[in-house]
Amino acid sequence: MTMHDDVARILLTEDQIQQRIVDLANEITTTYDGRQPLLIAVLKGSVLFMADLMRSLPIAHAIDFLATSSYGAATESTGVVRILKDLDDPIEDKDVLIVEDIVDSGYTLHYLRELLLARRPASLRIVTLLSKPARRRIDVTIDWIGFEIPDEFVIGYGLDYNEHYRNLRYIGVLKPEVYLRTTDPAA
């Protein structure tokens, strides 16, 4: 049995993801023409998206990383956001681009946006590979969205369930029985 057996269906193929990243990079390049944005990846899920986006950007840019926790081993955000790793350098007067893998409830992104705005960047924009609007609990402005997806639990391309499936080259829907059997106390 392989991890592919836990996938109900492929939602986005590797080719679809890569083409959309090129398109996003072109849009971002136009916005930041003549400036050097600081890309901030929200770990761990966005690391693959960040790497591919960086390679697609023809403009100079810097990178940094933030690590947060709002899920734990659950399939839904708790709404409580903890910073596990903060930025290495100040962002005051810099053009900041938050790079997210998925915007679900909006809690984490709202928290990060407020946290970073308090540090007085020159500008703050957000790019996410995936947006799940049906799950949104708090309104947050997203400047670039790769794909809007339905309210299903997705894995692959950096997205995980209990630290598994991040290495899939596509984004798939996880079979419910996989996470139900690990959260059911009778299992």
C-alpha atoms as a PDB file:
ATOM      1  CA  MET A   1       0.000   0.000   0.000  1.00  0.00           C
ATOM      2  CA  THR A   2       1.351   3.445  -0.931  1.00  0.00           C
ATOM      3  CA  MET A   3       0.309   6.909   0.112  1.00  0.00           C
ATOM      4  CA  HIS A   4      -1.366   7.276  -3.292  1.00  0.00           C
ATOM      5  CA  ASP A   5      -3.895   4.679  -2.116  1.00  0.00           C
ATOM      6  CA  ASP A   6      -5.117   7.210   0.487  1.00  0.00           C
ATOM      7  CA  VAL A   7      -6.032   9.734  -2.226  1.00  0.00           C
ATOM      8  CA  ALA A   8      -9.715   9.816  -3.168  1.00  0.00           C
ATOM      9  CA  ARG A   9      -8.960  11.821  -6.320  1.00  0.00           C
ATOM     10  CA  ILE A  10      -6.437  14.220  -7.803  1.00  0.00           C
ATOM     11  CA  LEU A  11      -7.704  17.773  -7.559  1.00  0.00           C
ATOM     12  CA  LEU A  12      -4.776  19.548  -9.261  1.00  0.00           C
ATOM     13  CA  THR A  13      -2.088  17.903 -11.356  1.00  0.00           C
ATOM     14  CA  GLU A  14       1.587  18.773 -11.189  1.00  0.00           C
ATOM     15  CA  ASP A  15       1.336  20.474 -14.603  1.00  0.00           C
ATOM     16  CA  GLN A  16      -1.661  22.582 -13.536  1.00  0.00           C
ATOM     17  CA  ILE A  17       0.172  23.705 -10.402  1.00  0.00           C
ATOM     18  CA  GLN A  18       3.377  24.586 -12.241  1.00  0.00           C
ATOM     19  CA  GLN A  19       1.586  26.552 -14.962  1.00  0.00           C
ATOM     20  CA  ARG A  20      -0.371  28.566 -12.406  1.00  0.00           C
ATOM     21  CA  ILE A  21       2.818  29.364 -10.488  1.00  0.00           C
ATOM     22  CA  VAL A  22       4.367  30.792 -13.665  1.00  0.00           C
ATOM     23  CA  ASP A  23       1.244  32.930 -14.163  1.00  0.00           C
ATOM     24  CA  LEU A  24       1.354  34.127 -10.536  1.00  0.00           C
ATOM     25  CA  ALA A  25       5.062  34.964 -10.851  1.00  0.00           C
ATOM     26  CA  ASN A  26       4.320  37.100 -13.909  1.00  0.00           C
ATOM     27  CA  GLU A  27       1.595  39.007 -12.045  1.00  0.00           C
ATOM     28  CA  ILE A  28       3.796  39.478  -8.985  1.00  0.00           C
ATOM     29  CA  THR A  29       6.703  40.660 -11.153  1.00  0.00           C
ATOM     30  CA  THR A  30       4.515  43.379 -12.659  1.00  0.00           C
ATOM     31  CA  THR A  31       3.493  44.608  -9.204  1.00  0.00           C
ATOM     32  CA  TYR A  32       7.032  44.679  -7.792  1.00  0.00           C
ATOM     33  CA  ASP A  33       8.807  45.988 -10.911  1.00  0.00           C
ATOM     34  CA  GLY A  34      11.825  47.993  -9.769  1.00  0.00           C
ATOM     35  CA  ARG A  35      11.571  46.788  -6.169  1.00  0.00           C
ATOM     36  CA  GLN A  36      12.952  43.814  -4.275  1.00  0.00           C
ATOM     37  CA  PRO A  37      10.208  42.089  -2.298  1.00  0.00           C
ATOM     38  CA  LEU A  38      10.821  39.971   0.767  1.00  0.00           C
ATOM     39  CA  LEU A  39       9.002  36.661   0.360  1.00  0.00           C
ATOM     40  CA  ILE A  40       7.955  35.139   3.671  1.00  0.00           C
ATOM     41  CA  ALA A  41       6.990  31.483   3.552  1.00  0.00           C
ATOM     42  CA  VAL A  42       4.642  30.187   6.202  1.00  0.00           C
ATOM     43  CA  LEU A  43       6.125  26.827   7.165  1.00  0.00           C
ATOM     44  CA  LYS A  44       5.873  23.995   6.662  1.00  0.00           C
ATOM     45  CA  GLY A  45       3.228  23.644   3.985  1.00  0.00           C
ATOM     46  CA  SER A  46       4.269  26.491   1.715  1.00  0.00           C
ATOM     47  CA  VAL A  47       7.902  25.472   1.276  1.00  0.00           C
ATOM     48  CA  LEU A  48       7.352  23.767  -2.112  1.00  0.00           C
ATOM     49  CA  PHE A  49       5.181  26.614  -3.378  1.00  0.00           C
ATOM     50  CA  MET A  50       7.780  29.151  -2.230  1.00  0.00           C
ATOM     51  CA  ALA A  51      10.630  27.264  -3.928  1.00  0.00           C
ATOM     52  CA  ASP A  52       8.803  27.016  -7.246  1.00  0.00           C
ATOM     53  CA  LEU A  53       7.566  30.619  -7.045  1.00  0.00           C
ATOM     54  CA  MET A  54      11.106  31.867  -6.357  1.00  0.00           C
ATOM     55  CA  ARG A  55      12.449  30.016  -9.385  1.00  0.00           C
ATOM     56  CA  SER A  56       9.731  31.564 -11.545  1.00  0.00           C
ATOM     57  CA  LEU A  57      10.354  35.161 -10.424  1.00  0.00           C
ATOM     58  CA  PRO A  58      12.771  37.041 -12.703  1.00  0.00           C
ATOM     59  CA  ILE A  59      13.063  39.936 -10.231  1.00  0.00           C
ATOM     60  CA  ALA A  60      15.485  40.183  -7.308  1.00  0.00           C
ATOM     61  CA  HIS A  61      13.945  39.122  -4.021  1.00  0.00           C
ATOM     62  CA  ALA A  62      14.876  38.007  -0.527  1.00  0.00           C
ATOM     63  CA  ILE A  63      13.301  35.258   1.558  1.00  0.00           C
ATOM     64  CA  ASP A  64      12.524  34.502   5.173  1.00  0.00           C
ATOM     65  CA  PHE A  65      10.378  31.996   7.038  1.00  0.00           C
ATOM     66  CA  LEU A  66       7.710  31.947   9.719  1.00  0.00           C
ATOM     67  CA  ALA A  67       6.380  28.813  11.350  1.00  0.00           C
ATOM     68  CA  THR A  68       2.948  28.741  12.927  1.00  0.00           C
ATOM     69  CA  SER A  69       0.652  26.194  14.436  1.00  0.00           C
ATOM     70  CA  SER A  70      -3.123  26.245  14.455  1.00  0.00           C
ATOM     71  CA  TYR A  71      -3.988  22.679  13.438  1.00  0.00           C
ATOM     72  CA  GLY A  72      -1.790  20.254  15.367  1.00  0.00           C
ATOM     73  CA  ALA A  73      -2.856  16.783  14.205  1.00  0.00           C
ATOM     74  CA  ALA A  74      -6.427  17.933  13.547  1.00  0.00           C
ATOM     75  CA  THR A  75      -8.136  18.492  10.212  1.00  0.00           C
ATOM     76  CA  GLU A  76      -9.539  21.903  11.207  1.00  0.00           C
ATOM     77  CA  SER A  77      -7.894  25.024  12.595  1.00  0.00           C
ATOM     78  CA  THR A  78      -8.356  25.571  16.297  1.00  0.00           C
ATOM     79  CA  GLY A  79      -8.421  29.335  15.752  1.00  0.00           C
ATOM     80  CA  VAL A  80      -5.509  29.708  18.182  1.00  0.00           C
ATOM     81  CA  VAL A  81      -2.341  30.665  16.307  1.00  0.00           C
ATOM     82  CA  ARG A  82       1.089  30.130  17.814  1.00  0.00           C
ATOM     83  CA  ILE A  83       4.355  31.402  16.326  1.00  0.00           C
ATOM     84  CA  LEU A  84       6.856  28.543  16.374  1.00  0.00           C
ATOM     85  CA  LYS A  85       9.583  30.361  14.392  1.00  0.00           C
ATOM     86  CA  ASP A  86       9.754  34.106  13.897  1.00  0.00           C
ATOM     87  CA  LEU A  87      11.495  36.055  11.138  1.00  0.00           C
ATOM     88  CA  ASP A  88      15.277  36.329  11.181  1.00  0.00           C
ATOM     89  CA  ASP A  89      15.426  40.043  10.265  1.00  0.00           C
ATOM     90  CA  PRO A  90      13.308  43.191  10.698  1.00  0.00           C
ATOM     91  CA  ILE A  91      10.848  44.007   7.907  1.00  0.00           C
ATOM     92  CA  GLU A  92      10.421  47.739   8.505  1.00  0.00           C
ATOM     93  CA  ASP A  93      10.228  49.662   5.201  1.00  0.00           C
ATOM     94  CA  LYS A  94      10.402  46.460   3.129  1.00  0.00           C
ATOM     95  CA  ASP A  95       7.927  45.250   0.527  1.00  0.00           C
ATOM     96  CA  VAL A  96       6.667  42.035   2.100  1.00  0.00           C
ATOM     97  CA  LEU A  97       4.894  39.191   0.323  1.00  0.00           C
ATOM     98  CA  ILE A  98       3.435  36.468   2.530  1.00  0.00           C
ATOM     99  CA  VAL A  99       3.554  33.128   0.682  1.00  0.00           C
ATOM    100  CA  GLU A 100       0.870  30.723   1.937  1.00  0.00           C
ATOM    101  CA  ASP A 101      -0.006  27.212   0.865  1.00  0.00           C
ATOM    102  CA  ILE A 102      -3.721  27.372   1.716  1.00  0.00           C
ATOM    103  CA  VAL A 103      -6.148  29.861   3.221  1.00  0.00           C
ATOM    104  CA  ASP A 104      -8.888  27.980   4.998  1.00  0.00           C
ATOM    105  CA  SER A 105     -10.602  29.621   8.007  1.00  0.00           C
ATOM    106  CA  GLY A 106      -8.493  32.778   7.628  1.00  0.00           C
ATOM    107  CA  TYR A 107      -7.491  32.835  11.308  1.00  0.00           C
ATOM    108  CA  THR A 108      -3.780  32.192  10.764  1.00  0.00           C
ATOM    109  CA  LEU A 109      -3.438  34.628   7.884  1.00  0.00           C
ATOM    110  CA  HIS A 110      -5.361  37.365   9.707  1.00  0.00           C
ATOM    111  CA  TYR A 111      -3.122  36.919  12.742  1.00  0.00           C
ATOM    112  CA  LEU A 112       0.061  36.992  10.647  1.00  0.00           C
ATOM    113  CA  ARG A 113      -1.090  40.014   8.685  1.00  0.00           C
ATOM    114  CA  GLU A 114      -1.731  42.009  11.871  1.00  0.00           C
ATOM    115  CA  LEU A 115       1.558  40.840  13.410  1.00  0.00           C
ATOM    116  CA  LEU A 116       3.565  41.871  10.354  1.00  0.00           C
ATOM    117  CA  LEU A 117       1.751  45.184   9.802  1.00  0.00           C
ATOM    118  CA  ALA A 118       2.722  46.171  13.350  1.00  0.00           C
ATOM    119  CA  ARG A 119       6.349  45.881  12.207  1.00  0.00           C
ATOM    120  CA  ARG A 120       5.775  48.686   9.664  1.00  0.00           C
ATOM    121  CA  PRO A 121       6.661  47.208   6.277  1.00  0.00           C
ATOM    122  CA  ALA A 122       6.520  49.507   3.236  1.00  0.00           C
ATOM    123  CA  SER A 123       3.833  47.209   1.825  1.00  0.00           C
ATOM    124  CA  LEU A 124       2.294  43.875   2.686  1.00  0.00           C
ATOM    125  CA  ARG A 125       0.696  41.575   0.134  1.00  0.00           C
ATOM    126  CA  ILE A 126      -0.408  37.955   0.203  1.00  0.00           C
ATOM    127  CA  VAL A 127      -0.175  35.144  -2.327  1.00  0.00           C
ATOM    128  CA  THR A 128      -1.696  31.743  -1.663  1.00  0.00           C
ATOM    129  CA  LEU A 129      -1.627  28.665  -3.801  1.00  0.00           C
ATOM    130  CA  LEU A 130      -5.042  27.519  -2.564  1.00  0.00           C
ATOM    131  CA  SER A 131      -8.090  29.256  -1.173  1.00  0.00           C
ATOM    132  CA  LYS A 132     -11.012  27.440   0.377  1.00  0.00           C
ATOM    133  CA  PRO A 133     -13.690  30.173   0.611  1.00  0.00           C
ATOM    134  CA  ALA A 134     -16.402  27.846   1.950  1.00  0.00           C
ATOM    135  CA  ARG A 135     -14.355  27.445   5.158  1.00  0.00           C
ATOM    136  CA  ARG A 136     -13.600  31.144   5.685  1.00  0.00           C
ATOM    137  CA  ARG A 137     -14.473  32.315   9.205  1.00  0.00           C
ATOM    138  CA  ILE A 138     -12.646  35.630   9.088  1.00  0.00           C
ATOM    139  CA  ASP A 139     -12.341  37.945   6.109  1.00  0.00           C
ATOM    140  CA  VAL A 140      -8.813  38.480   4.869  1.00  0.00           C
ATOM    141  CA  THR A 141      -7.683  40.171   1.672  1.00  0.00           C
ATOM    142  CA  ILE A 142      -5.590  37.954  -0.584  1.00  0.00           C
ATOM    143  CA  ASP A 143      -3.791  39.667  -3.461  1.00  0.00           C
ATOM    144  CA  TRP A 144      -3.114  36.564  -5.548  1.00  0.00           C
ATOM    145  CA  ILE A 145      -4.878  33.213  -5.450  1.00  0.00           C
ATOM    146  CA  GLY A 146      -3.593  30.220  -7.364  1.00  0.00           C
ATOM    147  CA  PHE A 147      -6.747  28.115  -7.166  1.00  0.00           C
ATOM    148  CA  GLU A 148     -10.063  28.244  -5.347  1.00  0.00           C
ATOM    149  CA  ILE A 149     -10.906  24.752  -4.155  1.00  0.00           C
ATOM    150  CA  PRO A 150     -13.961  23.045  -2.645  1.00  0.00           C
ATOM    151  CA  ASP A 151     -14.354  22.251   1.036  1.00  0.00           C
ATOM    152  CA  GLU A 152     -12.410  18.993   1.043  1.00  0.00           C
ATOM    153  CA  PHE A 153      -9.313  17.948   2.968  1.00  0.00           C
ATOM    154  CA  VAL A 154      -6.395  18.237   0.555  1.00  0.00           C
ATOM    155  CA  ILE A 155      -2.870  16.873   0.686  1.00  0.00           C
ATOM    156  CA  GLY A 156       0.225  16.914  -1.467  1.00  0.00           C
ATOM    157  CA  TYR A 157       2.591  19.546  -2.819  1.00  0.00           C
ATOM    158  CA  GLY A 158       3.591  20.521   0.724  1.00  0.00           C
ATOM    159  CA  LEU A 159       0.183  20.003   2.318  1.00  0.00           C
ATOM    160  CA  ASP A 160       0.028  17.253   4.883  1.00  0.00           C
ATOM    161  CA  TYR A 161      -2.108  15.234   7.185  1.00  0.00           C
ATOM    162  CA  ASN A 162      -0.255  14.366  10.373  1.00  0.00           C
ATOM    163  CA  GLU A 163       3.090  15.088   8.612  1.00  0.00           C
ATOM    164  CA  HIS A 164       2.401  12.670   5.739  1.00  0.00           C
ATOM    165  CA  TYR A 165       1.775  13.229   1.997  1.00  0.00           C
ATOM    166  CA  ARG A 166       3.782  16.493   1.627  1.00  0.00           C
ATOM    167  CA  ASN A 167       5.954  14.910  -1.072  1.00  0.00           C
ATOM    168  CA  LEU A 168       3.117  14.163  -3.514  1.00  0.00           C
ATOM    169  CA  ARG A 169       3.677  16.147  -6.713  1.00  0.00           C
ATOM    170  CA  TYR A 170      -0.036  16.831  -7.102  1.00  0.00           C
ATOM    171  CA  ILE A 171      -2.791  18.057  -4.792  1.00  0.00           C
ATOM    172  CA  GLY A 172      -5.269  15.358  -3.942  1.00  0.00           C
ATOM    173  CA  VAL A 173      -8.297  14.872  -1.759  1.00  0.00           C
ATOM    174  CA  LEU A 174      -7.555  12.655   1.228  1.00  0.00           C
ATOM    175  CA  LYS A 175      -9.967   9.783   1.711  1.00  0.00           C
ATOM    176  CA  PRO A 176     -12.084  10.586   4.804  1.00  0.00           C
ATOM    177  CA  GLU A 177     -11.537   7.126   6.250  1.00  0.00           C
ATOM    178  CA  VAL A 178      -7.831   7.985   6.642  1.00  0.00           C
ATOM    179  CA  TYR A 179      -8.389  10.856   9.049  1.00  0.00           C
ATOM    180  CA  LEU A 180     -11.527   9.380  10.594  1.00  0.00           C
ATOM    181  CA  ARG A 181      -9.687   6.225  11.642  1.00  0.00           C
ATOM    182  CA  THR A 182      -6.972   8.265  13.359  1.00  0.00           C
ATOM    183  CA  THR A 183      -9.394  10.584  15.184  1.00  0.00           C
ATOM    184  CA  ASP A 184     -11.966   7.952  16.183  1.00  0.00           C
ATOM    185  CA  PRO A 185     -11.276   6.876  19.784  1.00  0.00           C
ATOM    186  CA  ALA A 186     -12.836   3.473  19.049  1.00  0.00           C
ATOM    187  CA  ALA A 187     -10.332   2.830  16.236  1.00  0.00           C
END
